[in-house]
Amino acid sequence: MPAYWIARSRINDPVAYKLYTDQIPGILAKFGGKVLARGGNYQIMEGPEKFHRFVVIEFPDLATGVACFTSDEYDAAARHRRENGAGEVETVILEAGEFTK
């Protein structure tokens, strides 16, 4: 069952943040991740307006999405973002469940 990596971010330093995002496509490809939405227009309907970048990535399943997030490669990229204050990110990986009636 597919799973979705959903991230909300606030970019504090665009140059440093790009050093992080430049590494991500190769990491996602290794785990079969497919970007469904990244950046673009949005409208916050409810909740804090702290974040201004949104990303949705599809993975074959929850375990693969979690493996990508916890991989050494992603950890190294994210560590750069975190340690340099390039941006703040909230991430959740959600399994696509069946809708109940």
N, C-alpha and C. Protein backbone atom coordinates (compact mmCIF):
# COMPACT_ATOMS: atom_id res chain seq x y z
N MET A 1 0.85 -1.18 0.00
CA MET A 1 0.00 0.00 0.00
C MET A 1 0.89 1.24 0.00
N PRO A 2 0.66 2.19 -0.88
CA PRO A 2 1.51 3.39 -0.93
C PRO A 2 1.50 4.17 0.38
N ALA A 3 2.56 4.91 0.57
CA ALA A 3 2.67 5.80 1.73
C ALA A 3 3.17 7.15 1.23
N TYR A 4 2.83 8.19 1.96
CA TYR A 4 3.14 9.55 1.54
C TYR A 4 3.95 10.27 2.61
N TRP A 5 5.07 10.80 2.18
CA TRP A 5 5.94 11.64 3.02
C TRP A 5 5.40 13.05 2.81
N ILE A 6 4.93 13.64 3.86
CA ILE A 6 4.34 14.98 3.79
C ILE A 6 5.18 15.89 4.67
N ALA A 7 5.72 16.94 4.05
CA ALA A 7 6.60 17.85 4.79
C ALA A 7 6.12 19.28 4.64
N ARG A 8 6.20 20.00 5.75
CA ARG A 8 5.94 21.44 5.76
C ARG A 8 7.25 22.08 6.19
N SER A 9 7.65 23.11 5.48
CA SER A 9 8.93 23.71 5.85
C SER A 9 8.88 25.23 5.80
N ARG A 10 9.82 25.77 6.52
CA ARG A 10 10.05 27.22 6.53
C ARG A 10 11.52 27.39 6.19
N ILE A 11 11.80 28.09 5.13
CA ILE A 11 13.17 28.28 4.67
C ILE A 11 13.72 29.56 5.30
N ASN A 12 14.78 29.41 6.08
CA ASN A 12 15.40 30.56 6.74
C ASN A 12 16.58 31.11 5.94
N ASP A 13 17.27 30.23 5.22
CA ASP A 13 18.43 30.62 4.43
C ASP A 13 18.35 29.88 3.09
N PRO A 14 17.83 30.54 2.05
CA PRO A 14 17.62 29.86 0.76
C PRO A 14 18.88 29.22 0.17
N VAL A 15 20.02 29.85 0.31
CA VAL A 15 21.26 29.31 -0.26
C VAL A 15 21.64 28.01 0.46
N ALA A 16 21.64 28.03 1.78
CA ALA A 16 21.97 26.84 2.56
C ALA A 16 20.91 25.75 2.38
N TYR A 17 19.65 26.14 2.26
CA TYR A 17 18.57 25.17 2.08
C TYR A 17 18.72 24.46 0.75
N LYS A 18 19.17 25.17 -0.28
CA LYS A 18 19.36 24.56 -1.60
C LYS A 18 20.45 23.49 -1.56
N LEU A 19 21.46 23.67 -0.72
CA LEU A 19 22.49 22.64 -0.58
C LEU A 19 21.87 21.34 -0.05
N TYR A 20 20.84 21.46 0.77
CA TYR A 20 20.09 20.31 1.27
C TYR A 20 19.22 19.73 0.15
N THR A 21 18.42 20.56 -0.50
CA THR A 21 17.47 20.04 -1.49
C THR A 21 18.16 19.48 -2.73
N ASP A 22 19.35 19.96 -3.06
CA ASP A 22 20.08 19.42 -4.21
C ASP A 22 20.43 17.94 -4.03
N GLN A 23 20.53 17.49 -2.80
CA GLN A 23 20.89 16.11 -2.51
C GLN A 23 19.70 15.15 -2.53
N ILE A 24 18.50 15.68 -2.42
CA ILE A 24 17.32 14.87 -2.19
C ILE A 24 16.89 14.01 -3.39
N PRO A 25 16.89 14.50 -4.62
CA PRO A 25 16.40 13.65 -5.73
C PRO A 25 17.08 12.28 -5.83
N GLY A 26 18.38 12.23 -5.67
CA GLY A 26 19.10 10.96 -5.74
C GLY A 26 18.73 10.03 -4.60
N ILE A 27 18.53 10.60 -3.42
CA ILE A 27 18.15 9.79 -2.26
C ILE A 27 16.76 9.21 -2.47
N LEU A 28 15.83 10.04 -2.92
CA LEU A 28 14.46 9.57 -3.16
C LEU A 28 14.45 8.46 -4.22
N ALA A 29 15.21 8.64 -5.28
CA ALA A 29 15.24 7.65 -6.36
C ALA A 29 15.70 6.29 -5.84
N LYS A 30 16.67 6.30 -4.94
CA LYS A 30 17.19 5.05 -4.37
C LYS A 30 16.10 4.26 -3.65
N PHE A 31 15.11 4.97 -3.09
CA PHE A 31 14.05 4.33 -2.32
C PHE A 31 12.72 4.30 -3.08
N GLY A 32 12.75 4.62 -4.35
CA GLY A 32 11.52 4.57 -5.14
C GLY A 32 10.55 5.70 -4.84
N GLY A 33 11.04 6.80 -4.28
CA GLY A 33 10.19 7.94 -3.97
C GLY A 33 9.86 8.75 -5.21
N LYS A 34 8.61 9.19 -5.28
CA LYS A 34 8.15 9.99 -6.42
C LYS A 34 7.53 11.28 -5.88
N VAL A 35 8.10 12.42 -6.25
CA VAL A 35 7.58 13.70 -5.79
C VAL A 35 6.26 13.99 -6.50
N LEU A 36 5.20 14.17 -5.73
CA LEU A 36 3.88 14.50 -6.27
C LEU A 36 3.61 15.99 -6.24
N ALA A 37 4.14 16.67 -5.25
CA ALA A 37 3.96 18.12 -5.13
C ALA A 37 5.15 18.68 -4.37
N ARG A 38 5.64 19.84 -4.85
CA ARG A 38 6.76 20.49 -4.17
C ARG A 38 6.69 21.96 -4.52
N GLY A 39 6.62 22.78 -3.49
CA GLY A 39 6.53 24.21 -3.74
C GLY A 39 5.20 24.55 -4.39
N GLY A 40 5.20 25.50 -5.27
CA GLY A 40 3.98 25.87 -5.97
C GLY A 40 3.04 26.72 -5.15
N ASN A 41 1.93 27.05 -5.75
CA ASN A 41 0.92 27.86 -5.08
C ASN A 41 0.21 27.04 -4.01
N TYR A 42 -0.21 27.70 -2.97
CA TYR A 42 -0.94 27.02 -1.89
C TYR A 42 -1.82 28.04 -1.18
N GLN A 43 -2.73 27.53 -0.41
CA GLN A 43 -3.57 28.38 0.44
C GLN A 43 -3.75 27.66 1.76
N ILE A 44 -3.31 28.25 2.84
CA ILE A 44 -3.47 27.66 4.16
C ILE A 44 -4.93 27.84 4.56
N MET A 45 -5.57 26.74 4.84
CA MET A 45 -7.00 26.77 5.18
C MET A 45 -7.22 26.83 6.69
N GLU A 46 -6.30 26.23 7.43
CA GLU A 46 -6.43 26.22 8.89
C GLU A 46 -5.06 25.90 9.47
N GLY A 47 -4.77 26.45 10.62
CA GLY A 47 -3.50 26.15 11.27
C GLY A 47 -2.52 27.30 11.13
N PRO A 48 -1.33 27.10 11.72
CA PRO A 48 -0.33 28.18 11.74
C PRO A 48 0.18 28.51 10.34
N GLU A 49 0.54 29.74 10.15
CA GLU A 49 1.07 30.19 8.87
C GLU A 49 2.60 30.26 8.91
N LYS A 50 3.19 29.46 9.76
CA LYS A 50 4.64 29.43 9.94
C LYS A 50 5.35 28.86 8.71
N PHE A 51 4.73 27.90 8.05
CA PHE A 51 5.38 27.19 6.96
C PHE A 51 4.97 27.78 5.62
N HIS A 52 5.91 27.77 4.66
CA HIS A 52 5.59 28.35 3.36
C HIS A 52 6.09 27.49 2.20
N ARG A 53 6.44 26.26 2.50
CA ARG A 53 6.82 25.31 1.45
C ARG A 53 6.26 23.95 1.86
N PHE A 54 5.66 23.28 0.91
CA PHE A 54 5.00 22.01 1.19
C PHE A 54 5.44 20.98 0.16
N VAL A 55 5.65 19.74 0.63
CA VAL A 55 6.14 18.68 -0.24
C VAL A 55 5.35 17.40 0.05
N VAL A 56 4.98 16.70 -1.02
CA VAL A 56 4.33 15.39 -0.90
C VAL A 56 5.10 14.42 -1.79
N ILE A 57 5.58 13.32 -1.19
CA ILE A 57 6.36 12.32 -1.91
C ILE A 57 5.71 10.97 -1.70
N GLU A 58 5.51 10.24 -2.78
CA GLU A 58 4.90 8.91 -2.68
C GLU A 58 5.99 7.84 -2.66
N PHE A 59 5.82 6.87 -1.77
CA PHE A 59 6.69 5.70 -1.68
C PHE A 59 5.85 4.45 -1.87
N PRO A 60 6.48 3.36 -2.26
CA PRO A 60 5.73 2.12 -2.47
C PRO A 60 4.98 1.65 -1.22
N ASP A 61 5.55 1.92 -0.05
CA ASP A 61 4.92 1.50 1.21
C ASP A 61 5.53 2.29 2.37
N LEU A 62 4.92 2.15 3.53
CA LEU A 62 5.36 2.89 4.72
C LEU A 62 6.79 2.54 5.09
N ALA A 63 7.14 1.26 5.08
CA ALA A 63 8.48 0.84 5.48
C ALA A 63 9.55 1.47 4.59
N THR A 64 9.29 1.58 3.30
CA THR A 64 10.27 2.18 2.39
C THR A 64 10.41 3.67 2.64
N GLY A 65 9.30 4.36 2.89
CA GLY A 65 9.36 5.79 3.20
C GLY A 65 10.14 6.04 4.49
N VAL A 66 9.89 5.22 5.50
CA VAL A 66 10.61 5.36 6.76
C VAL A 66 12.09 5.04 6.56
N ALA A 67 12.38 4.01 5.77
CA ALA A 67 13.78 3.66 5.49
C ALA A 67 14.51 4.80 4.80
N CYS A 68 13.84 5.50 3.91
CA CYS A 68 14.45 6.64 3.23
C CYS A 68 14.76 7.73 4.25
N PHE A 69 13.77 8.07 5.07
CA PHE A 69 13.95 9.15 6.05
C PHE A 69 15.06 8.82 7.04
N THR A 70 15.18 7.57 7.43
CA THR A 70 16.17 7.17 8.44
C THR A 70 17.50 6.72 7.82
N SER A 71 17.63 6.82 6.50
CA SER A 71 18.86 6.39 5.83
C SER A 71 20.03 7.31 6.17
N ASP A 72 21.22 6.76 6.07
CA ASP A 72 22.42 7.57 6.31
C ASP A 72 22.50 8.74 5.34
N GLU A 73 22.09 8.49 4.08
CA GLU A 73 22.15 9.55 3.06
C GLU A 73 21.24 10.71 3.41
N TYR A 74 19.99 10.41 3.78
CA TYR A 74 19.06 11.49 4.11
C TYR A 74 19.50 12.18 5.41
N ASP A 75 19.96 11.39 6.35
CA ASP A 75 20.40 11.97 7.62
C ASP A 75 21.52 12.98 7.40
N ALA A 76 22.45 12.67 6.51
CA ALA A 76 23.55 13.60 6.22
C ALA A 76 23.03 14.89 5.59
N ALA A 77 22.09 14.76 4.65
CA ALA A 77 21.52 15.95 4.01
C ALA A 77 20.73 16.78 5.03
N ALA A 78 19.91 16.12 5.82
CA ALA A 78 19.08 16.83 6.80
C ALA A 78 19.95 17.44 7.90
N ARG A 79 21.03 16.78 8.26
CA ARG A 79 21.92 17.32 9.29
C ARG A 79 22.47 18.68 8.85
N HIS A 80 22.82 18.79 7.58
CA HIS A 80 23.31 20.08 7.05
C HIS A 80 22.23 21.16 7.24
N ARG A 81 21.00 20.83 6.87
CA ARG A 81 19.90 21.78 7.01
C ARG A 81 19.68 22.17 8.47
N ARG A 82 19.68 21.18 9.33
CA ARG A 82 19.41 21.42 10.75
C ARG A 82 20.53 22.22 11.42
N GLU A 83 21.77 21.80 11.20
CA GLU A 83 22.90 22.43 11.89
C GLU A 83 23.19 23.84 11.41
N ASN A 84 22.83 24.14 10.17
CA ASN A 84 23.09 25.47 9.63
C ASN A 84 21.89 26.40 9.74
N GLY A 85 20.81 25.91 10.34
CA GLY A 85 19.63 26.75 10.49
C GLY A 85 19.00 27.14 9.16
N ALA A 86 19.25 26.33 8.13
CA ALA A 86 18.75 26.65 6.79
C ALA A 86 17.23 26.62 6.71
N GLY A 87 16.62 25.79 7.52
CA GLY A 87 15.17 25.71 7.49
C GLY A 87 14.63 24.82 8.59
N GLU A 88 13.35 25.00 8.87
CA GLU A 88 12.65 24.18 9.85
C GLU A 88 11.67 23.31 9.09
N VAL A 89 11.61 22.03 9.44
CA VAL A 89 10.76 21.11 8.70
C VAL A 89 9.98 20.23 9.67
N GLU A 90 8.72 20.01 9.35
CA GLU A 90 7.90 19.00 10.03
C GLU A 90 7.58 17.94 8.99
N THR A 91 7.81 16.69 9.32
CA THR A 91 7.60 15.61 8.37
C THR A 91 6.76 14.51 9.01
N VAL A 92 5.85 13.97 8.22
CA VAL A 92 5.08 12.79 8.62
C VAL A 92 5.05 11.86 7.42
N ILE A 93 5.10 10.56 7.67
CA ILE A 93 4.93 9.59 6.60
C ILE A 93 3.65 8.83 6.91
N LEU A 94 2.73 8.90 5.99
CA LEU A 94 1.37 8.41 6.20
C LEU A 94 1.05 7.31 5.20
N GLU A 95 0.63 6.17 5.72
CA GLU A 95 0.21 5.08 4.85
C GLU A 95 -1.17 5.40 4.29
N ALA A 96 -1.34 5.14 2.99
CA ALA A 96 -2.66 5.35 2.37
C ALA A 96 -3.58 4.26 2.89
N GLY A 97 -4.54 4.63 3.69
CA GLY A 97 -5.46 3.65 4.23
C GLY A 97 -6.72 3.57 3.39
N GLU A 98 -7.49 2.57 3.68
CA GLU A 98 -8.78 2.45 3.01
C GLU A 98 -9.76 3.40 3.67
N PHE A 99 -10.58 4.02 2.87
CA PHE A 99 -11.60 4.91 3.41
C PHE A 99 -12.74 4.05 3.97
N THR A 100 -13.23 4.44 5.13
CA THR A 100 -14.36 3.72 5.71
C THR A 100 -15.63 4.46 5.40
N LYS A 101 -16.70 3.73 5.29
CA LYS A 101 -18.00 4.34 4.99
C LYS A 101 -18.76 4.63 6.25
